[in-house]
C-alpha atoms as a PDB file:
ATOM      1  CA  MET A   1    -133.461 273.336-124.201  1.00  0.00           C
ATOM      2  CA  HIS A   2    -134.482 274.569-127.641  1.00  0.00           C
ATOM      3  CA  PHE A   3    -137.196 272.630-129.473  1.00  0.00           C
ATOM      4  CA  LEU A   4    -136.604 274.599-132.801  1.00  0.00           C
ATOM      5  CA  SER A   5    -133.611 274.078-134.911  1.00  0.00           C
ATOM      6  CA  ASP A   6    -130.528 276.253-134.030  1.00  0.00           C
ATOM      7  CA  ARG A   7    -130.918 278.095-137.349  1.00  0.00           C
ATOM      8  CA  LEU A   8    -134.632 279.047-136.707  1.00  0.00           C
ATOM      9  CA  GLN A   9    -133.834 279.881-133.043  1.00  0.00           C
ATOM     10  CA  GLY A  10    -131.120 282.212-134.266  1.00  0.00           C
ATOM     11  CA  TYR A  11    -133.463 283.940-136.606  1.00  0.00           C
ATOM     12  CA  ILE A  12    -136.058 284.518-133.743  1.00  0.00           C
ATOM     13  CA  THR A  13    -133.341 285.861-131.581  1.00  0.00           C
ATOM     14  CA  ASP A  14    -131.886 288.012-134.216  1.00  0.00           C
ATOM     15  CA  HIS A  15    -135.310 289.608-134.818  1.00  0.00           C
ATOM     16  CA  SER A  16    -136.020 290.262-131.159  1.00  0.00           C
ATOM     17  CA  GLU A  17    -134.790 293.102-128.999  1.00  0.00           C
ATOM     18  CA  ASP A  18    -131.035 293.055-128.259  1.00  0.00           C
ATOM     19  CA  GLU A  19    -129.969 292.275-124.766  1.00  0.00           C
ATOM     20  CA  PRO A  20    -128.286 295.138-122.723  1.00  0.00           C
ATOM     21  CA  GLU A  21    -124.487 294.922-122.718  1.00  0.00           C
ATOM     22  CA  TYR A  22    -124.231 294.130-119.092  1.00  0.00           C
ATOM     23  CA  LEU A  23    -126.493 291.106-119.616  1.00  0.00           C
ATOM     24  CA  ARG A  24    -124.152 289.951-122.421  1.00  0.00           C
ATOM     25  CA  ASP A  25    -121.292 290.305-119.996  1.00  0.00           C
ATOM     26  CA  LEU A  26    -123.169 288.478-117.224  1.00  0.00           C
ATOM     27  CA  SER A  27    -123.874 285.598-119.510  1.00  0.00           C
ATOM     28  CA  ARG A  28    -120.278 285.405-120.680  1.00  0.00           C
ATOM     29  CA  GLU A  29    -119.012 285.406-117.111  1.00  0.00           C
ATOM     30  CA  THR A  30    -121.562 282.795-116.020  1.00  0.00           C
ATOM     31  CA  HIS A  31    -120.549 280.420-118.735  1.00  0.00           C
ATOM     32  CA  LEU A  32    -116.828 280.915-117.807  1.00  0.00           C
ATOM     33  CA  LYS A  33    -117.062 280.744-114.065  1.00  0.00           C
ATOM     34  CA  VAL A  34    -120.228 279.185-112.764  1.00  0.00           C
ATOM     35  CA  LEU A  35    -121.332 275.457-112.698  1.00  0.00           C
ATOM     36  CA  GLN A  36    -124.294 274.569-114.882  1.00  0.00           C
ATOM     37  CA  PRO A  37    -124.336 277.642-117.039  1.00  0.00           C
ATOM     38  CA  ARG A  38    -127.198 276.201-119.091  1.00  0.00           C
ATOM     39  CA  MET A  39    -129.365 277.303-116.175  1.00  0.00           C
ATOM     40  CA  ILE A  40    -128.990 280.980-117.173  1.00  0.00           C
ATOM     41  CA  THR A  41    -132.123 282.483-118.783  1.00  0.00           C
ATOM     42  CA  GLY A  42    -130.366 283.717-121.824  1.00  0.00           C
ATOM     43  CA  HIS A  43    -130.993 286.431-124.561  1.00  0.00           C
ATOM     44  CA  TYR A  44    -134.314 285.412-126.111  1.00  0.00           C
ATOM     45  CA  GLN A  45    -136.160 284.204-122.992  1.00  0.00           C
ATOM     46  CA  GLY A  46    -134.707 287.242-121.203  1.00  0.00           C
ATOM     47  CA  ARG A  47    -136.338 289.584-123.744  1.00  0.00           C
ATOM     48  CA  VAL A  48    -139.632 287.680-123.332  1.00  0.00           C
ATOM     49  CA  LEU A  49    -139.385 288.183-119.512  1.00  0.00           C
ATOM     50  CA  SER A  50    -138.574 291.848-120.002  1.00  0.00           C
ATOM     51  CA  MET A  51    -141.489 292.381-122.310  1.00  0.00           C
ATOM     52  CA  LEU A  52    -143.962 290.651-120.061  1.00  0.00           C
ATOM     53  CA  SER A  53    -142.746 292.719-117.113  1.00  0.00           C
ATOM     54  CA  LYS A  54    -143.034 295.901-119.134  1.00  0.00           C
ATOM     55  CA  ILE A  55    -146.636 294.928-120.178  1.00  0.00           C
ATOM     56  CA  THR A  56    -147.472 294.222-116.513  1.00  0.00           C
ATOM     57  CA  ALA A  57    -145.709 297.297-115.196  1.00  0.00           C
ATOM     58  CA  PRO A  58    -145.425 295.808-111.691  1.00  0.00           C
ATOM     59  CA  ASP A  59    -144.910 297.654-108.423  1.00  0.00           C
ATOM     60  CA  ARG A  60    -143.559 294.459-106.868  1.00  0.00           C
ATOM     61  CA  ILE A  61    -142.020 291.332-108.435  1.00  0.00           C
ATOM     62  CA  LEU A  62    -141.116 288.034-106.673  1.00  0.00           C
ATOM     63  CA  GLU A  63    -138.549 285.729-108.151  1.00  0.00           C
ATOM     64  CA  ILE A  64    -137.917 282.222-106.828  1.00  0.00           C
ATOM     65  CA  GLY A  65    -134.490 281.068-108.061  1.00  0.00           C
ATOM     66  CA  THR A  66    -131.969 283.820-108.665  1.00  0.00           C
ATOM     67  CA  TYR A  67    -128.847 281.849-110.018  1.00  0.00           C
ATOM     68  CA  THR A  68    -126.526 284.607-111.284  1.00  0.00           C
ATOM     69  CA  GLY A  69    -129.249 287.195-111.575  1.00  0.00           C
ATOM     70  CA  TYR A  70    -129.972 287.390-115.387  1.00  0.00           C
ATOM     71  CA  SER A  71    -133.678 286.783-115.172  1.00  0.00           C
ATOM     72  CA  ALA A  72    -133.974 289.191-112.225  1.00  0.00           C
ATOM     73  CA  LEU A  73    -132.514 291.966-114.220  1.00  0.00           C
ATOM     74  CA  CYS A  74    -134.723 291.249-117.185  1.00  0.00           C
ATOM     75  CA  LEU A  75    -137.835 291.362-114.991  1.00  0.00           C
ATOM     76  CA  ALA A  76    -136.517 294.554-113.200  1.00  0.00           C
ATOM     77  CA  GLU A  77    -136.792 296.386-116.633  1.00  0.00           C
ATOM     78  CA  GLY A  78    -140.527 296.638-116.218  1.00  0.00           C
ATOM     79  CA  LEU A  79    -140.737 297.938-112.691  1.00  0.00           C
ATOM     80  CA  ARG A  80    -142.577 301.104-112.031  1.00  0.00           C
ATOM     81  CA  PRO A  81    -140.553 303.915-110.630  1.00  0.00           C
ATOM     82  CA  GLY A  82    -140.011 303.054-106.888  1.00  0.00           C
ATOM     83  CA  GLY A  83    -140.904 299.430-107.443  1.00  0.00           C
ATOM     84  CA  GLU A  84    -139.144 296.505-105.937  1.00  0.00           C
ATOM     85  CA  LEU A  85    -138.028 293.012-107.017  1.00  0.00           C
ATOM     86  CA  HIS A  86    -137.516 290.405-104.265  1.00  0.00           C
ATOM     87  CA  THR A  87    -135.461 287.476-105.324  1.00  0.00           C
ATOM     88  CA  ILE A  88    -134.795 284.295-103.328  1.00  0.00           C
ATOM     89  CA  ASP A  89    -132.016 281.824-103.758  1.00  0.00           C
ATOM     90  CA  ILE A  90    -130.697 279.121-101.507  1.00  0.00           C
ATOM     91  CA  ASN A  91    -127.017 279.434-102.743  1.00  0.00           C
ATOM     92  CA  GLU A  92    -125.263 282.284-101.079  1.00  0.00           C
ATOM     93  CA  GLU A  93    -122.037 281.662-102.977  1.00  0.00           C
ATOM     94  CA  LEU A  94    -123.522 283.342-106.133  1.00  0.00           C
ATOM     95  CA  GLN A  95    -124.170 286.659-104.322  1.00  0.00           C
ATOM     96  CA  GLU A  96    -120.941 288.227-105.419  1.00  0.00           C
ATOM     97  CA  ILE A  97    -121.661 288.016-109.183  1.00  0.00           C
ATOM     98  CA  GLN A  98    -125.293 288.894-108.554  1.00  0.00           C
ATOM     99  CA  ASN A  99    -124.499 292.089-106.640  1.00  0.00           C
ATOM    100  CA  ARG A 100    -121.890 293.254-109.087  1.00  0.00           C
ATOM    101  CA  PHE A 101    -124.169 292.992-112.079  1.00  0.00           C
ATOM    102  CA  PHE A 102    -127.158 294.419-110.137  1.00  0.00           C
ATOM    103  CA  ARG A 103    -125.028 297.483-109.398  1.00  0.00           C
ATOM    104  CA  LEU A 104    -123.917 297.741-113.040  1.00  0.00           C
ATOM    105  CA  SER A 105    -127.454 297.518-114.399  1.00  0.00           C
ATOM    106  CA  GLY A 106    -128.714 300.485-112.349  1.00  0.00           C
ATOM    107  CA  PHE A 107    -131.465 298.437-110.767  1.00  0.00           C
ATOM    108  CA  GLY A 108    -129.478 297.394-107.676  1.00  0.00           C
ATOM    109  CA  GLY A 109    -131.363 299.893-105.463  1.00  0.00           C
ATOM    110  CA  GLN A 110    -134.754 298.220-106.397  1.00  0.00           C
ATOM    111  CA  ILE A 111    -133.666 294.524-105.831  1.00  0.00           C
ATOM    112  CA  ARG A 112    -133.999 292.859-102.533  1.00  0.00           C
ATOM    113  CA  GLN A 113    -132.031 289.613-102.188  1.00  0.00           C
ATOM    114  CA  HIS A 114    -133.067 286.768 -99.743  1.00  0.00           C
ATOM    115  CA  VAL A 115    -130.871 283.792 -99.192  1.00  0.00           C
ATOM    116  CA  GLY A 116    -132.382 280.504 -97.898  1.00  0.00           C
ATOM    117  CA  ASP A 117    -135.343 278.180 -98.463  1.00  0.00           C
ATOM    118  CA  ALA A 118    -138.041 279.839-100.427  1.00  0.00           C
ATOM    119  CA  LEU A 119    -140.770 277.999 -98.635  1.00  0.00           C
ATOM    120  CA  GLU A 120    -139.548 279.411 -95.397  1.00  0.00           C
ATOM    121  CA  ILE A 121    -138.950 282.935 -96.711  1.00  0.00           C
ATOM    122  CA  ILE A 122    -142.147 283.521 -98.681  1.00  0.00           C
ATOM    123  CA  PRO A 123    -144.512 283.462 -95.574  1.00  0.00           C
ATOM    124  CA  THR A 124    -142.314 286.201 -93.995  1.00  0.00           C
ATOM    125  CA  LEU A 125    -142.884 288.578 -96.886  1.00  0.00           C
ATOM    126  CA  ASP A 126    -145.892 290.735 -95.871  1.00  0.00           C
ATOM    127  CA  LEU A 127    -146.216 292.021 -99.412  1.00  0.00           C
ATOM    128  CA  GLU A 128    -148.562 291.677-102.368  1.00  0.00           C
ATOM    129  CA  PHE A 129    -146.959 290.965-105.730  1.00  0.00           C
ATOM    130  CA  ASP A 130    -148.025 291.848-109.319  1.00  0.00           C
ATOM    131  CA  LEU A 131    -145.595 289.447-111.040  1.00  0.00           C
ATOM    132  CA  VAL A 132    -144.035 286.218-109.775  1.00  0.00           C
ATOM    133  CA  PHE A 133    -141.333 284.020-111.532  1.00  0.00           C
ATOM    134  CA  ILE A 134    -140.814 280.521-110.365  1.00  0.00           C
ATOM    135  CA  ASP A 135    -137.525 278.938-111.458  1.00  0.00           C
ATOM    136  CA  ALA A 136    -136.088 276.897-108.560  1.00  0.00           C
ATOM    137  CA  GLU A 137    -136.202 273.386-107.300  1.00  0.00           C
ATOM    138  CA  LYS A 138    -138.657 271.604-109.730  1.00  0.00           C
ATOM    139  CA  LYS A 139    -139.928 269.087-107.037  1.00  0.00           C
ATOM    140  CA  GLU A 140    -141.231 272.062-105.050  1.00  0.00           C
ATOM    141  CA  TYR A 141    -143.090 273.894-107.875  1.00  0.00           C
ATOM    142  CA  SER A 142    -146.580 272.991-106.445  1.00  0.00           C
ATOM    143  CA  ALA A 143    -145.542 274.131-103.047  1.00  0.00           C
ATOM    144  CA  TYR A 144    -144.043 277.317-104.397  1.00  0.00           C
ATOM    145  CA  PHE A 145    -147.305 278.081-106.339  1.00  0.00           C
ATOM    146  CA  GLU A 146    -149.442 277.603-103.257  1.00  0.00           C
ATOM    147  CA  ALA A 147    -147.173 279.733-101.178  1.00  0.00           C
ATOM    148  CA  VAL A 148    -147.197 282.637-103.683  1.00  0.00           C
ATOM    149  CA  LEU A 149    -150.816 282.513-104.763  1.00  0.00           C
ATOM    150  CA  PRO A 150    -152.263 284.216-101.702  1.00  0.00           C
ATOM    151  CA  LYS A 151    -149.601 286.975-102.115  1.00  0.00           C
ATOM    152  CA  THR A 152    -150.339 287.673-105.718  1.00  0.00           C
ATOM    153  CA  ARG A 153    -152.941 290.333-106.528  1.00  0.00           C
ATOM    154  CA  LYS A 154    -155.961 289.426-108.598  1.00  0.00           C
ATOM    155  CA  GLY A 155    -155.082 289.996-112.189  1.00  0.00           C
ATOM    156  CA  GLY A 156    -151.374 289.394-111.344  1.00  0.00           C
ATOM    157  CA  ILE A 157    -149.148 286.973-113.284  1.00  0.00           C
ATOM    158  CA  ILE A 158    -147.315 283.895-112.171  1.00  0.00           C
ATOM    159  CA  LEU A 159    -144.660 282.628-114.523  1.00  0.00           C
ATOM    160  CA  SER A 160    -143.315 279.170-114.266  1.00  0.00           C
ATOM    161  CA  ASP A 161    -140.107 278.116-116.055  1.00  0.00           C
ATOM    162  CA  ASN A 162    -138.806 274.792-117.380  1.00  0.00           C
ATOM    163  CA  VAL A 163    -142.334 273.295-117.640  1.00  0.00           C
ATOM    164  CA  LEU A 164    -141.340 271.263-120.675  1.00  0.00           C
ATOM    165  CA  TRP A 165    -138.290 269.946-118.943  1.00  0.00           C
ATOM    166  CA  SER A 166    -136.239 269.021-122.089  1.00  0.00           C
ATOM    167  CA  GLY A 167    -139.236 267.346-123.529  1.00  0.00           C
ATOM    168  CA  LYS A 168    -139.306 264.720-120.738  1.00  0.00           C
ATOM    169  CA  VAL A 169    -143.020 265.659-120.026  1.00  0.00           C
ATOM    170  CA  ILE A 170    -144.170 263.708-123.145  1.00  0.00           C
ATOM    171  CA  GLU A 171    -141.703 260.721-122.770  1.00  0.00           C
ATOM    172  CA  PRO A 172    -142.317 257.563-120.835  1.00  0.00           C
ATOM    173  CA  LEU A 173    -141.805 258.364-117.166  1.00  0.00           C
ATOM    174  CA  ASP A 174    -138.867 256.859-115.289  1.00  0.00           C
ATOM    175  CA  PRO A 175    -140.206 256.052-111.874  1.00  0.00           C
ATOM    176  CA  ALA A 176    -136.925 257.342-110.344  1.00  0.00           C
ATOM    177  CA  ASP A 177    -137.235 260.685-112.056  1.00  0.00           C
ATOM    178  CA  LYS A 178    -138.897 262.812-109.258  1.00  0.00           C
ATOM    179  CA  ALA A 179    -138.393 266.094-111.034  1.00  0.00           C
ATOM    180  CA  THR A 180    -140.275 265.185-114.138  1.00  0.00           C
ATOM    181  CA  LYS A 181    -143.016 263.498-112.022  1.00  0.00           C
ATOM    182  CA  ALA A 182    -143.396 266.665-110.032  1.00  0.00           C
ATOM    183  CA  LEU A 183    -143.660 268.828-113.201  1.00  0.00           C
ATOM    184  CA  LEU A 184    -146.250 266.612-114.775  1.00  0.00           C
ATOM    185  CA  LYS A 185    -148.318 266.956-111.634  1.00  0.00           C
ATOM    186  CA  TYR A 186    -147.738 270.775-111.550  1.00  0.00           C
ATOM    187  CA  ASN A 187    -148.704 271.181-115.245  1.00  0.00           C
ATOM    188  CA  ASP A 188    -151.893 269.242-114.743  1.00  0.00           C
ATOM    189  CA  MET A 189    -152.673 271.236-111.596  1.00  0.00           C
ATOM    190  CA  LEU A 190    -152.289 274.553-113.362  1.00  0.00           C
ATOM    191  CA  LYS A 191    -154.530 273.486-116.194  1.00  0.00           C
ATOM    192  CA  SER A 192    -157.348 272.542-113.855  1.00  0.00           C
ATOM    193  CA  ASP A 193    -156.928 275.134-111.127  1.00  0.00           C
ATOM    194  CA  PRO A 194    -160.029 277.430-111.051  1.00  0.00           C
ATOM    195  CA  ARG A 195    -158.103 280.145-109.276  1.00  0.00           C
ATOM    196  CA  VAL A 196    -155.983 280.948-112.396  1.00  0.00           C
ATOM    197  CA  GLU A 197    -156.162 280.893-116.159  1.00  0.00           C
ATOM    198  CA  THR A 198    -153.090 279.433-117.796  1.00  0.00           C
ATOM    199  CA  VAL A 199    -151.354 279.248-121.103  1.00  0.00           C
ATOM    200  CA  MET A 200    -148.214 277.366-121.754  1.00  0.00           C
ATOM    201  CA  LEU A 201    -145.679 278.780-124.175  1.00  0.00           C
ATOM    202  CA  PRO A 202    -142.941 276.854-125.959  1.00  0.00           C
ATOM    203  CA  VAL A 203    -140.260 279.380-125.017  1.00  0.00           C
ATOM    204  CA  ARG A 204    -136.878 277.772-124.639  1.00  0.00           C
ATOM    205  CA  ASP A 205    -137.522 274.943-122.009  1.00  0.00           C
ATOM    206  CA  GLY A 206    -141.272 275.897-121.592  1.00  0.00           C
ATOM    207  CA  LEU A 207    -142.711 278.936-119.870  1.00  0.00           C
ATOM    208  CA  THR A 208    -146.229 278.971-118.350  1.00  0.00           C
ATOM    209  CA  LEU A 209    -148.246 282.119-117.731  1.00  0.00           C
ATOM    210  CA  SER A 210    -150.972 281.916-115.049  1.00  0.00           C
ATOM    211  CA  ARG A 211    -153.179 284.851-114.452  1.00  0.00           C
ATOM    212  CA  VAL A 212    -154.770 285.052-111.012  1.00  0.00           C
ATOM    213  CA  LEU A 213    -158.520 285.338-111.065  1.00  0.00           C
END
C-alpha cells in the first residue's frame, strides 16, 4: 500500500539506493510464480530495512515472516562479519526460492531458516537479538512482540511491518475484521508500553520502530 501518489513514490525510489540485481530478480520471480506477490517488501522499503540494519550493525537478527526472502536479504546487508539472521516462516513450500536466492546473495551461510509456528519456535532460540523484524500473522503481533522482547538486547530495535494496514486503522472498524482490530490494539500497546520507545513511519504500508529500553 502506498499513501503517496505513484509519481511521488517513484521520485522517492529513484532517489534512494538501487536494489541489488539479485533482489530485482527475486521480486520478478515472486510476481510471476508466487501467490499474493504484493506481500513482498519491495525496492524502497527494502532499502529502508537495509539502511536501518547497517546503522544498527547487528550480530543477530530475528525475522518473523520470511515469504520469499526479500526482506531477510535486505536486513542481512547490515550484519557484522560472522553475524546471523534467523528467519521463521510457517510455509515450507517457499523454501526452494528462498534458498536459491539466499545462495545467490552471498548471505546464505549467515541465514538460519526455521519452519513452523513462530510462537513455538521463538522460545527455543537461546539467543539475544539486536534487531527484530515482525511481518507475519497480524492477529499475533502482540504475542510476537511479547515473545521477542525478552530476547532483544537493551537498545535493540524491534520493527513491525504493515501497521497502517492499507489505511484501515483510521477507518470505521468492521467487527468481523480481526486483523485490523488486532493491529489497532497493537499500535496502542506500543505507544503506551514503558519498555520501549516507539516511532511510526509512513513507509509503504506503515513501519514502526521500537527501541528497547
